[in-house]
Amino acid sequence: MTKTPPYETLAMYIDGEFIEAGDRPTQPVLNPADGSVLGDLPRGTSADIDRALDAAQRAFRDWRRESPLKRSEILRRAAQLARERAPRIGRNITLDQGKPLAEATLEVSSSAEHAEWHAEEGRRIYGRVVPPRSPDVRQLVLREPIGVCAAFSPWNFPFNQALRKIVAALASGCTLILKGPSESPSAIVALARLFHDAGLPPGCLNVVWGSADQISRQLVASPIVHMISFTGSSPVGKQLGALCGQHMKRMTMELGGHAPVIVCADADVERAADMLAPYKFRNAGQVCVSPTRFLVQRPVFDRFVSRFVERTRAIRVGSGLDEGVAMGPVASGRRLEEMLAFTADARATGGKIAVGGERIGERGNFFAPTVVLNPPASSKLMHDEPFGPIAGIVPFDDVDGAIATANSLPFGLAAYAFTTSTRNAHALATGIEAGMVNINHFGMAPAEIPFGGIKDSGFGSEGGIETFESYLVTKLVTQLN
C-alpha cells in the first residue's frame, strides 16, 4: 500500500537554517477544495526580519565575488532537484492552491528551465570597453550586482513566480529575502529546501513569513535592501511603489491585467475558440495574463460564442487531486465572493449568462466556469480585473474600434489576437497597448523572452536578458595612465 506523503513542513529559512514556529504565532493554511487545515505557517517577528537582513548582507559580500561558473553550477543543480521533486511539490501546490495536479506538477517541472537559462545567461553579464578620446585614457563600463534584494511573490503560481525572482537575483550576484504567499506557502518552503540541497551558501536566499505590511515596510526602509521585486495586484503595487519611492529603492513591478482578446472575422474561429476556452479557465482564471475581455468581429460572433460555450460546458470542475479534473476551486472564500459579485453585476447591467454564473456545491470554493454575453462597457466585468473563471464576450465591427476598446482600460499586461491577415496582424501588434501581444497563439512562457507590462500593469521584465536590468548597476571606470 502506497503511503500518502505528508504536507510540507512549514518554516522560515534564514541564514541557511529552517526555522519552525516554536513560540511564534501561526496562521492556518487551508485546502480550498474542502476547507480543511493543512498546516500552520509561522509568523516571523521583527527580529526574524533583522536576522534575514543581516544574513543577506553578509552573504552578499562573498556571493557577489563568486565565480559565475559556480553560481551556474548551483542553479543547474537546483533545476535538477526541481524536476526530481516535481510530483511531491506539485501535490502540495494542489492541496493549498487548488489547481489540478497535472497543472501544479507541470508548473514545477517547467520552471526548472528558468533556473537553467539564468544559470547560463548569468555567465554572460558583460561590460564593455569604450574607445577613449585620448590614447592615455582607458574607459570601462562594468555591470555589478545591486546588492541585497527583497521579493514578494503571489499565490496563483507560487513556485514559478518565486523561482523567477530567485534565479534572476542569484545569477546576477545578488542575495535575496523572499516573502511568499501565506495562502499557498508549501512551494516557497520547497524552493528553499531545493536551493539549500543544491549547495547555495547560507544567507544568499532567505524566506520570511508574517504580516505583508510589516515585512514590506521593514524591508523597504532598511538601508541594506537596494531593490524590490513585486508580483501582485495593481492597488497593492502602487502602495508598495510609493513606499519604495520614499526610500529611493529600485523596483520591478508585475501587476494586474485585464487581457483583451480580439478575434477577427478572417480568423480560424473554431481553432481560436478551442485554444482560448481551456486557456481562459486554466488555474480557474486566476492568472494575471488570463484572457478576459473577448472582442469578436460581428460576422463570426455567433460561431465563436457557440464553440466557446460548448468547450466551456465540457470543463470538469472538482478537487485538483481527482482524475480528469480540468479546473479546481478558486483559491479562497474571498475569491468566491468576488466571482458571485461579478456575476450579480453582469446580470444587473444587462449581460446574459450563457453558461455558469453560480457556485458549485456547498463545500469548498468551487465556482462554475462562466461566460457572459454582451456585458456593457460600464459593467464590473469589463472594467475591473476579475481574476477568476469568468469571461465577457462582446461584438465589434472594425479592427480600429476593437483596438481602441482594448486600450480603453489602464491595464497593459497581456493581449491576444487571432487573424489570418498580415495587415490586421500588423495593426494589432503595433496598436495594442500591452507589454506582451500574442497573435494566433500563446507564447509568453519561455525563459528567454521578457515577461512584463506597461501602464497600471507595472514596469520591468522577468525573463529574457531584460530580467537582469533591475538587479545590476552600471559603473563607469575611466582611468588616465
Protein backbone atom coordinates (compact mmCIF):
# COMPACT_ATOMS: atom_id res chain seq x y z
CA MET A 1 0.00 0.00 0.00
CA THR A 2 1.42 3.40 -1.03
CA LYS A 3 1.53 5.89 1.83
CA THR A 4 0.33 9.41 1.01
CA PRO A 5 3.21 11.84 1.56
CA PRO A 6 2.62 14.43 4.28
CA TYR A 7 2.06 18.09 3.50
CA GLU A 8 5.19 20.28 3.54
CA THR A 9 6.60 21.14 6.97
CA LEU A 10 6.22 24.91 7.03
CA ALA A 11 9.11 27.06 8.18
CA MET A 12 11.09 30.20 7.60
CA TYR A 13 14.55 29.88 6.06
CA ILE A 14 17.14 32.32 7.38
CA ASP A 15 20.93 32.14 7.08
CA GLY A 16 20.81 28.54 5.89
CA GLU A 17 18.55 27.38 8.75
CA PHE A 18 14.94 26.19 8.63
CA ILE A 19 13.06 27.79 11.50
CA GLU A 20 9.70 26.35 12.52
CA ALA A 21 7.11 28.20 14.58
CA GLY A 22 8.38 27.50 18.07
CA ASP A 23 6.69 30.06 20.32
CA ARG A 24 5.84 32.37 17.41
CA PRO A 25 2.21 32.94 16.41
CA THR A 26 0.95 30.93 13.43
CA GLN A 27 -1.82 31.10 10.84
CA PRO A 28 -3.64 28.11 9.38
CA VAL A 29 -3.18 27.09 5.75
CA LEU A 30 -6.45 25.87 4.26
CA ASN A 31 -7.28 23.49 1.45
CA PRO A 32 -9.62 25.46 -0.89
CA ALA A 33 -11.26 22.24 -2.07
CA ASP A 34 -12.72 21.33 1.33
CA GLY A 35 -11.67 23.94 3.89
CA SER A 36 -9.53 21.51 5.89
CA VAL A 37 -6.43 22.75 7.71
CA LEU A 38 -3.22 21.59 6.03
CA GLY A 39 -0.69 23.13 8.37
CA ASP A 40 0.28 26.12 10.46
CA LEU A 41 2.51 28.82 9.00
CA PRO A 42 4.86 30.61 11.41
CA ARG A 43 4.58 34.38 11.54
CA GLY A 44 8.00 35.93 11.79
CA THR A 45 8.89 38.73 14.15
CA SER A 46 10.73 41.98 13.52
CA ALA A 47 13.81 40.29 14.96
CA ASP A 48 13.47 37.49 12.37
CA ILE A 49 13.43 40.09 9.59
CA ASP A 50 16.50 41.78 11.05
CA ARG A 51 18.28 38.44 11.15
CA ALA A 52 17.41 37.82 7.49
CA LEU A 53 18.70 41.28 6.57
CA ASP A 54 21.96 40.68 8.38
CA ALA A 55 22.38 37.25 6.80
CA ALA A 56 21.69 38.55 3.28
CA GLN A 57 24.14 41.43 3.74
CA ARG A 58 26.94 39.16 4.98
CA ALA A 59 26.31 36.62 2.24
CA PHE A 60 26.37 39.31 -0.46
CA ARG A 61 29.99 40.21 0.30
CA ASP A 62 31.09 36.76 -0.87
CA TRP A 63 28.35 35.89 -3.36
CA ARG A 64 28.97 38.99 -5.46
CA ARG A 65 32.57 37.81 -5.94
CA GLU A 66 31.68 34.18 -6.54
CA SER A 67 32.61 32.83 -9.96
CA PRO A 68 29.71 32.91 -12.44
CA LEU A 69 30.62 29.29 -13.15
CA LYS A 70 29.99 28.36 -9.52
CA ARG A 71 26.70 30.26 -9.47
CA SER A 72 25.72 28.49 -12.67
CA GLU A 73 26.53 25.10 -11.17
CA ILE A 74 24.26 25.72 -8.16
CA LEU A 75 21.36 26.95 -10.29
CA ARG A 76 21.67 23.91 -12.56
CA ARG A 77 21.64 21.61 -9.55
CA ALA A 78 18.52 23.36 -8.25
CA ALA A 79 16.84 22.84 -11.63
CA GLN A 80 17.65 19.13 -11.50
CA LEU A 81 16.19 18.84 -7.99
CA ALA A 82 13.05 20.72 -9.07
CA ARG A 83 12.39 18.15 -11.78
CA GLU A 84 13.05 15.24 -9.43
CA ARG A 85 10.77 16.63 -6.72
CA ALA A 86 8.03 17.95 -9.00
CA PRO A 87 5.43 15.26 -8.17
CA ARG A 88 5.52 15.90 -4.43
CA ILE A 89 5.85 19.69 -4.70
CA GLY A 90 3.03 19.72 -7.25
CA ARG A 91 0.77 17.68 -4.97
CA ASN A 92 1.25 20.17 -2.16
CA ILE A 93 0.51 23.08 -4.53
CA THR A 94 -2.76 21.36 -5.44
CA LEU A 95 -3.56 20.98 -1.75
CA ASP A 96 -3.01 24.60 -0.74
CA GLN A 97 -3.63 26.48 -4.01
CA GLY A 98 -6.27 24.28 -5.64
CA LYS A 99 -5.13 23.87 -9.26
CA PRO A 100 -5.34 20.39 -10.86
CA LEU A 101 -2.43 18.10 -10.05
CA ALA A 102 -1.21 17.91 -13.65
CA GLU A 103 -1.06 21.73 -13.84
CA ALA A 104 0.70 22.00 -10.49
CA THR A 105 3.30 19.38 -11.32
CA LEU A 106 3.93 20.96 -14.72
CA GLU A 107 4.38 24.35 -13.05
CA VAL A 108 7.27 22.91 -11.04
CA SER A 109 8.95 20.85 -13.75
CA SER A 110 8.68 23.54 -16.43
CA SER A 111 10.07 26.17 -14.05
CA ALA A 112 13.34 24.27 -13.98
CA GLU A 113 14.23 25.70 -17.38
CA HIS A 114 14.18 29.20 -15.88
CA ALA A 115 16.88 28.16 -13.44
CA GLU A 116 18.89 26.59 -16.26
CA TRP A 117 18.53 29.59 -18.56
CA HIS A 118 19.62 32.01 -15.84
CA ALA A 119 22.48 29.66 -14.97
CA GLU A 120 23.82 30.11 -18.49
CA GLU A 121 22.89 33.74 -19.11
CA GLY A 122 24.36 34.76 -15.76
CA ARG A 123 27.74 33.76 -17.19
CA ARG A 124 27.24 36.35 -19.93
CA ILE A 125 26.73 39.53 -17.95
CA TYR A 126 29.28 41.58 -19.84
CA GLY A 127 30.53 45.13 -19.59
CA ARG A 128 32.25 46.94 -22.43
CA VAL A 129 35.28 49.00 -23.39
CA VAL A 130 34.50 52.47 -24.75
CA PRO A 131 37.15 53.88 -27.14
CA PRO A 132 38.70 56.94 -25.43
CA ARG A 133 39.25 60.39 -26.86
CA SER A 134 42.81 60.34 -25.55
CA PRO A 135 45.22 57.43 -26.03
CA ASP A 136 46.26 57.75 -22.37
CA VAL A 137 42.77 57.03 -21.07
CA ARG A 138 41.06 53.67 -20.58
CA GLN A 139 37.25 53.62 -20.28
CA LEU A 140 35.41 50.60 -18.89
CA VAL A 141 31.69 50.11 -18.32
CA LEU A 142 31.07 47.49 -15.63
CA ARG A 143 27.82 45.74 -14.67
CA GLU A 144 27.76 44.90 -10.98
CA PRO A 145 25.11 43.32 -8.71
CA ILE A 146 22.96 45.91 -6.98
CA GLY A 147 23.08 44.20 -3.58
CA VAL A 148 20.51 42.70 -1.23
CA CYS A 149 17.07 42.41 -2.85
CA ALA A 150 13.60 41.83 -1.41
CA ALA A 151 10.93 39.95 -3.32
CA PHE A 152 7.19 39.45 -2.84
CA SER A 153 5.65 36.60 -4.84
CA PRO A 154 1.96 35.70 -5.46
CA TRP A 155 -0.21 32.72 -4.61
CA ASN A 156 -1.53 31.81 -8.06
CA PHE A 157 1.76 30.37 -9.41
CA PRO A 158 3.63 30.02 -6.12
CA PHE A 159 6.59 28.02 -7.42
CA ASN A 160 7.11 29.61 -10.82
CA GLN A 161 6.78 33.24 -9.79
CA ALA A 162 9.07 32.91 -6.78
CA LEU A 163 11.67 30.90 -8.69
CA ARG A 164 11.88 33.57 -11.43
CA LYS A 165 12.82 36.16 -8.82
CA ILE A 166 15.26 33.88 -7.01
CA VAL A 167 17.24 32.83 -10.07
CA ALA A 168 17.42 36.34 -11.53
CA ALA A 169 18.83 37.69 -8.26
CA LEU A 170 21.27 34.85 -7.68
CA ALA A 171 22.53 34.74 -11.27
CA SER A 172 23.20 38.50 -11.04
CA GLY A 173 25.31 38.05 -7.92
CA CYS A 174 22.65 39.46 -5.56
CA THR A 175 21.23 37.93 -2.40
CA LEU A 176 17.53 37.79 -1.66
CA ILE A 177 14.91 37.96 1.07
CA LEU A 178 11.63 36.44 -0.13
CA LYS A 179 8.16 36.94 1.31
CA GLY A 180 5.95 34.35 -0.34
CA PRO A 181 2.17 33.87 -0.31
CA SER A 182 0.72 32.77 3.01
CA GLU A 183 -2.24 31.16 1.19
CA SER A 184 -0.03 28.71 -0.73
CA PRO A 185 3.28 28.53 1.13
CA SER A 186 4.37 24.96 0.51
CA ALA A 187 6.06 25.75 -2.82
CA ILE A 188 8.16 28.50 -1.23
CA VAL A 189 9.45 26.24 1.52
CA ALA A 190 10.13 23.55 -1.09
CA LEU A 191 12.15 26.09 -3.11
CA ALA A 192 14.24 26.92 -0.05
CA ARG A 193 14.88 23.21 0.53
CA LEU A 194 16.00 22.52 -3.02
CA PHE A 195 18.36 25.53 -3.14
CA HIS A 196 19.69 24.51 0.28
CA ASP A 197 20.30 20.99 -1.01
CA ALA A 198 21.84 22.37 -4.20
CA GLY A 199 24.62 23.92 -2.11
CA LEU A 200 23.58 27.58 -2.05
CA PRO A 201 25.65 29.32 0.67
CA PRO A 202 23.77 30.40 3.82
CA GLY A 203 22.21 33.85 3.60
CA CYS A 204 22.01 34.03 -0.19
CA LEU A 205 18.32 33.12 -0.04
CA ASN A 206 16.12 33.84 2.96
CA VAL A 207 12.39 33.14 3.32
CA VAL A 208 10.27 35.03 5.84
CA TRP A 209 6.59 34.86 6.76
CA GLY A 210 4.22 37.18 8.59
CA SER A 211 2.33 40.40 8.07
CA ALA A 212 2.88 41.59 4.49
CA ASP A 213 2.53 45.21 5.56
CA GLN A 214 5.03 44.89 8.42
CA ILE A 215 7.56 42.94 6.34
CA SER A 216 7.36 45.27 3.34
CA ARG A 217 7.78 48.39 5.46
CA GLN A 218 10.72 46.94 7.36
CA LEU A 219 12.48 45.67 4.25
CA VAL A 220 11.90 48.74 2.11
CA ALA A 221 13.01 51.09 4.86
CA SER A 222 16.18 49.12 5.56
CA PRO A 223 19.35 50.64 4.05
CA ILE A 224 20.53 47.06 3.47
CA VAL A 225 17.90 46.45 0.75
CA HIS A 226 18.59 48.06 -2.62
CA MET A 227 15.93 46.58 -4.91
CA ILE A 228 12.31 45.39 -4.61
CA SER A 229 10.56 42.89 -6.89
CA PHE A 230 6.80 42.54 -6.53
CA THR A 231 4.15 40.49 -8.32
CA GLY A 232 0.56 41.15 -7.31
CA SER A 233 -2.41 43.45 -7.74
CA SER A 234 -2.14 46.97 -9.11
CA PRO A 235 -3.53 48.66 -5.96
CA VAL A 236 -1.02 46.91 -3.68
CA GLY A 237 1.76 47.53 -6.20
CA LYS A 238 1.01 51.24 -6.19
CA GLN A 239 1.15 51.33 -2.38
CA LEU A 240 4.45 49.48 -2.36
CA GLY A 241 5.78 51.67 -5.18
CA ALA A 242 5.01 54.80 -3.19
CA LEU A 243 6.86 53.35 -0.22
CA CYS A 244 9.85 52.47 -2.41
CA GLY A 245 9.86 55.99 -3.85
CA GLN A 246 10.22 57.46 -0.36
CA HIS A 247 13.42 55.45 0.09
CA MET A 248 14.74 55.67 -3.49
CA LYS A 249 14.58 51.91 -3.99
CA ARG A 250 14.72 50.39 -7.45
CA MET A 251 11.64 48.33 -8.32
CA THR A 252 10.31 45.69 -10.67
CA MET A 253 6.51 45.57 -10.65
CA GLU A 254 4.45 42.86 -12.38
CA LEU A 255 0.91 43.90 -11.55
CA GLY A 256 -2.65 43.13 -12.57
CA GLY A 257 -4.10 42.74 -16.02
CA HIS A 258 -7.43 42.59 -17.84
CA ALA A 259 -6.29 40.98 -21.07
CA PRO A 260 -8.29 41.70 -24.22
CA VAL A 261 -8.78 39.09 -26.95
CA ILE A 262 -9.55 40.29 -30.46
CA VAL A 263 -10.94 37.65 -32.82
CA CYS A 264 -11.15 38.97 -36.37
CA ALA A 265 -13.65 37.74 -38.95
CA ASP A 266 -10.82 36.26 -41.03
CA ALA A 267 -9.52 34.14 -38.13
CA ASP A 268 -9.79 30.37 -37.88
CA VAL A 269 -12.72 30.82 -35.50
CA GLU A 270 -13.14 27.24 -34.28
CA ARG A 271 -9.41 26.87 -33.65
CA ALA A 272 -9.39 30.15 -31.72
CA ALA A 273 -12.29 29.06 -29.53
CA ASP A 274 -10.75 25.64 -28.94
CA MET A 275 -7.50 27.26 -27.83
CA LEU A 276 -9.00 30.05 -25.77
CA ALA A 277 -11.53 28.14 -23.65
CA PRO A 278 -9.05 25.91 -21.77
CA TYR A 279 -6.54 28.77 -21.61
CA LYS A 280 -9.12 31.11 -20.10
CA PHE A 281 -10.09 28.67 -17.34
CA ARG A 282 -6.56 27.46 -16.61
CA ASN A 283 -5.92 27.78 -12.87
CA ALA A 284 -9.59 28.79 -12.53
CA GLY A 285 -8.84 32.01 -14.39
CA GLN A 286 -6.56 33.14 -11.56
CA VAL A 287 -3.81 34.21 -13.93
CA CYS A 288 -2.60 37.78 -14.42
CA VAL A 289 -2.45 37.22 -18.19
CA SER A 290 -5.74 35.34 -18.39
CA PRO A 291 -7.83 36.36 -21.43
CA THR A 292 -10.84 38.15 -20.01
CA ARG A 293 -12.40 40.70 -22.41
CA PHE A 294 -13.29 38.86 -25.62
CA LEU A 295 -13.92 41.15 -28.61
CA VAL A 296 -15.24 39.16 -31.57
CA GLN A 297 -15.94 40.65 -35.01
CA ARG A 298 -19.66 40.63 -35.69
CA PRO A 299 -19.78 38.30 -38.76
CA VAL A 300 -18.28 35.43 -36.73
CA PHE A 301 -19.65 36.36 -33.30
CA ASP A 302 -22.30 33.63 -33.11
CA ARG A 303 -19.92 30.94 -34.41
CA PHE A 304 -17.28 31.83 -31.87
CA VAL A 305 -19.73 32.02 -28.96
CA SER A 306 -21.28 28.67 -29.82
CA ARG A 307 -17.93 26.91 -29.93
CA PHE A 308 -16.50 28.69 -26.88
CA VAL A 309 -19.57 27.95 -24.74
CA GLU A 310 -19.53 24.32 -25.88
CA ARG A 311 -15.91 23.96 -24.81
CA THR A 312 -16.62 25.75 -21.53
CA ARG A 313 -19.50 23.40 -20.66
CA ALA A 314 -17.17 20.43 -21.12
CA ILE A 315 -14.71 21.62 -18.44
CA ARG A 316 -14.82 19.26 -15.47
CA VAL A 317 -14.59 21.06 -12.12
CA GLY A 318 -13.55 19.36 -8.90
CA SER A 319 -10.76 18.67 -6.45
CA GLY A 320 -7.42 19.03 -8.16
CA LEU A 321 -6.37 15.59 -6.94
CA ASP A 322 -9.28 13.85 -8.72
CA GLU A 323 -8.65 12.16 -12.04
CA GLY A 324 -9.84 14.07 -15.11
CA VAL A 325 -10.46 17.37 -13.36
CA ALA A 326 -9.60 20.35 -15.60
CA MET A 327 -10.39 23.15 -13.15
CA GLY A 328 -10.11 23.24 -9.38
CA PRO A 329 -11.61 25.62 -6.83
CA VAL A 330 -10.82 29.29 -6.63
CA ALA A 331 -8.15 29.88 -4.03
CA SER A 332 -10.20 31.34 -1.18
CA GLY A 333 -13.63 32.20 0.09
CA ARG A 334 -12.86 35.82 -0.70
CA ARG A 335 -12.29 34.98 -4.36
CA LEU A 336 -15.54 33.00 -4.42
CA GLU A 337 -17.43 36.03 -3.10
CA GLU A 338 -15.79 38.17 -5.80
CA MET A 339 -16.98 35.80 -8.53
CA LEU A 340 -20.53 35.96 -7.20
CA ALA A 341 -20.30 39.76 -7.16
CA PHE A 342 -19.07 39.89 -10.78
CA THR A 343 -21.90 37.61 -11.88
CA ALA A 344 -24.55 39.58 -10.00
CA ASP A 345 -23.32 42.83 -11.54
CA ALA A 346 -23.30 41.27 -15.03
CA ARG A 347 -26.95 40.28 -14.64
CA ALA A 348 -27.93 43.63 -13.18
CA THR A 349 -26.31 45.60 -16.00
CA GLY A 350 -27.86 43.60 -18.83
CA GLY A 351 -25.29 40.89 -19.59
CA LYS A 352 -26.55 37.43 -20.49
CA ILE A 353 -25.12 34.44 -18.63
CA ALA A 354 -24.52 31.86 -21.36
CA VAL A 355 -23.06 29.24 -19.03
CA GLY A 356 -22.11 29.02 -15.35
CA GLY A 357 -22.63 32.00 -13.07
CA GLU A 358 -23.03 30.10 -9.82
CA ARG A 359 -21.26 28.33 -7.02
CA ILE A 360 -20.89 24.57 -7.29
CA GLY A 361 -21.88 22.72 -4.10
CA GLU A 362 -21.59 23.97 -0.54
CA ARG A 363 -18.18 22.54 0.33
CA GLY A 364 -15.01 24.20 -0.91
CA ASN A 365 -14.57 27.25 -3.12
CA PHE A 366 -15.92 25.89 -6.39
CA PHE A 367 -17.35 28.28 -8.97
CA ALA A 368 -18.64 27.24 -12.38
CA PRO A 369 -16.73 28.40 -15.49
CA THR A 370 -18.80 31.38 -16.58
CA VAL A 371 -19.38 33.16 -19.90
CA VAL A 372 -21.24 36.46 -20.06
CA LEU A 373 -22.51 37.72 -23.42
CA ASN A 374 -22.75 41.41 -24.24
CA PRO A 375 -21.81 42.87 -20.86
CA PRO A 376 -21.88 46.68 -21.20
CA ALA A 377 -18.62 48.61 -21.07
CA SER A 378 -19.72 50.10 -17.75
CA SER A 379 -20.11 46.69 -16.10
CA LYS A 380 -17.74 45.49 -13.40
CA LEU A 381 -16.61 42.59 -15.63
CA MET A 382 -15.47 44.86 -18.45
CA HIS A 383 -13.79 47.34 -16.13
CA ASP A 384 -12.26 45.53 -13.11
CA GLU A 385 -9.88 42.58 -13.25
CA PRO A 386 -11.98 39.54 -12.22
CA PHE A 387 -9.05 37.17 -11.56
CA GLY A 388 -11.32 34.17 -11.76
CA PRO A 389 -13.23 31.82 -14.08
CA ILE A 390 -15.42 34.38 -15.82
CA ALA A 391 -15.21 35.83 -19.35
CA GLY A 392 -17.16 38.54 -21.15
CA ILE A 393 -17.76 38.38 -24.91
CA VAL A 394 -18.89 41.37 -26.98
CA PRO A 395 -19.05 42.00 -30.75
CA PHE A 396 -17.11 44.64 -32.69
CA ASP A 397 -17.34 45.99 -36.22
CA ASP A 398 -13.90 47.26 -37.25
CA VAL A 399 -10.38 46.46 -36.05
CA ASP A 400 -9.51 50.05 -35.19
CA GLY A 401 -12.52 50.19 -32.90
CA ALA A 402 -11.54 46.91 -31.25
CA ILE A 403 -8.03 48.22 -30.61
CA ALA A 404 -9.49 51.37 -29.06
CA THR A 405 -11.67 49.23 -26.77
CA ALA A 406 -8.71 47.03 -25.85
CA ASN A 407 -6.71 50.14 -24.91
CA SER A 408 -9.53 51.84 -23.00
CA LEU A 409 -8.55 50.47 -19.59
CA PRO A 410 -5.46 51.45 -17.58
CA PHE A 411 -4.11 47.88 -17.69
CA GLY A 412 -1.42 46.85 -20.15
CA LEU A 413 -0.02 43.42 -19.34
CA ALA A 414 -1.03 40.87 -21.99
CA ALA A 415 -3.24 40.86 -25.06
CA TYR A 416 -4.29 38.28 -27.64
CA ALA A 417 -5.42 38.46 -31.25
CA PHE A 418 -6.49 35.94 -33.85
CA THR A 419 -6.35 36.77 -37.56
CA THR A 420 -5.04 35.34 -40.83
CA SER A 421 -4.48 38.80 -42.32
CA THR A 422 -0.95 40.21 -42.19
CA ARG A 423 -2.47 43.68 -42.44
CA ASN A 424 -4.62 43.08 -39.36
CA ALA A 425 -1.75 41.38 -37.52
CA HIS A 426 0.46 44.43 -38.08
CA ALA A 427 -2.25 46.83 -36.95
CA LEU A 428 -2.92 44.76 -33.84
CA ALA A 429 0.75 44.28 -32.95
CA THR A 430 1.52 47.99 -33.24
CA GLY A 431 -1.77 49.38 -31.97
CA ILE A 432 -2.46 47.37 -28.81
CA GLU A 433 -1.01 48.92 -25.66
CA ALA A 434 0.40 45.97 -23.72
CA GLY A 435 3.73 44.62 -22.62
CA MET A 436 3.04 41.32 -24.41
CA VAL A 437 0.92 40.79 -27.53
CA ASN A 438 0.21 37.20 -28.63
CA ILE A 439 -1.06 36.67 -32.17
CA ASN A 440 -2.61 33.30 -33.08
CA HIS A 441 -1.00 31.50 -30.13
CA PHE A 442 0.09 31.85 -26.51
CA GLY A 443 3.82 32.49 -26.46
CA MET A 444 4.80 34.18 -23.20
CA ALA A 445 6.15 31.29 -21.11
CA PRO A 446 9.74 30.63 -22.28
CA ALA A 447 12.60 31.74 -20.05
CA GLU A 448 14.43 33.51 -22.87
CA ILE A 449 11.77 36.16 -23.53
CA PRO A 450 10.75 39.12 -21.33
CA PHE A 451 7.59 38.99 -19.26
CA GLY A 452 6.12 42.27 -18.03
CA GLY A 453 3.59 45.03 -18.56
CA ILE A 454 3.06 48.73 -19.04
CA LYS A 455 0.65 51.36 -17.68
CA ASP A 456 -1.03 50.21 -14.45
CA SER A 457 0.25 46.68 -15.07
CA GLY A 458 3.72 47.66 -13.91
CA PHE A 459 7.22 48.01 -15.28
CA GLY A 460 10.34 45.92 -15.63
CA SER A 461 10.64 42.40 -17.01
CA GLU A 462 11.20 38.91 -15.71
CA GLY A 463 12.73 36.59 -18.27
CA GLY A 464 14.96 37.32 -21.24
CA ILE A 465 18.13 39.35 -20.93
CA GLU A 466 15.92 42.20 -19.68
CA THR A 467 15.47 40.32 -16.40
CA PHE A 468 18.91 41.41 -15.20
CA GLU A 469 18.38 45.15 -15.62
CA SER A 470 16.85 45.62 -12.19
CA TYR A 471 19.49 43.54 -10.43
CA LEU A 472 22.55 45.26 -11.90
CA VAL A 473 24.08 48.70 -11.60
CA THR A 474 26.26 50.34 -14.22
CA LYS A 475 29.66 51.61 -13.17
CA LEU A 476 31.96 53.68 -15.36
CA VAL A 477 35.69 53.36 -14.72
CA THR A 478 37.75 55.97 -16.54
CA GLN A 479 41.49 55.82 -15.91
CA LEU A 480 44.33 58.05 -17.02
CA ASN A 481 47.53 56.05 -17.41
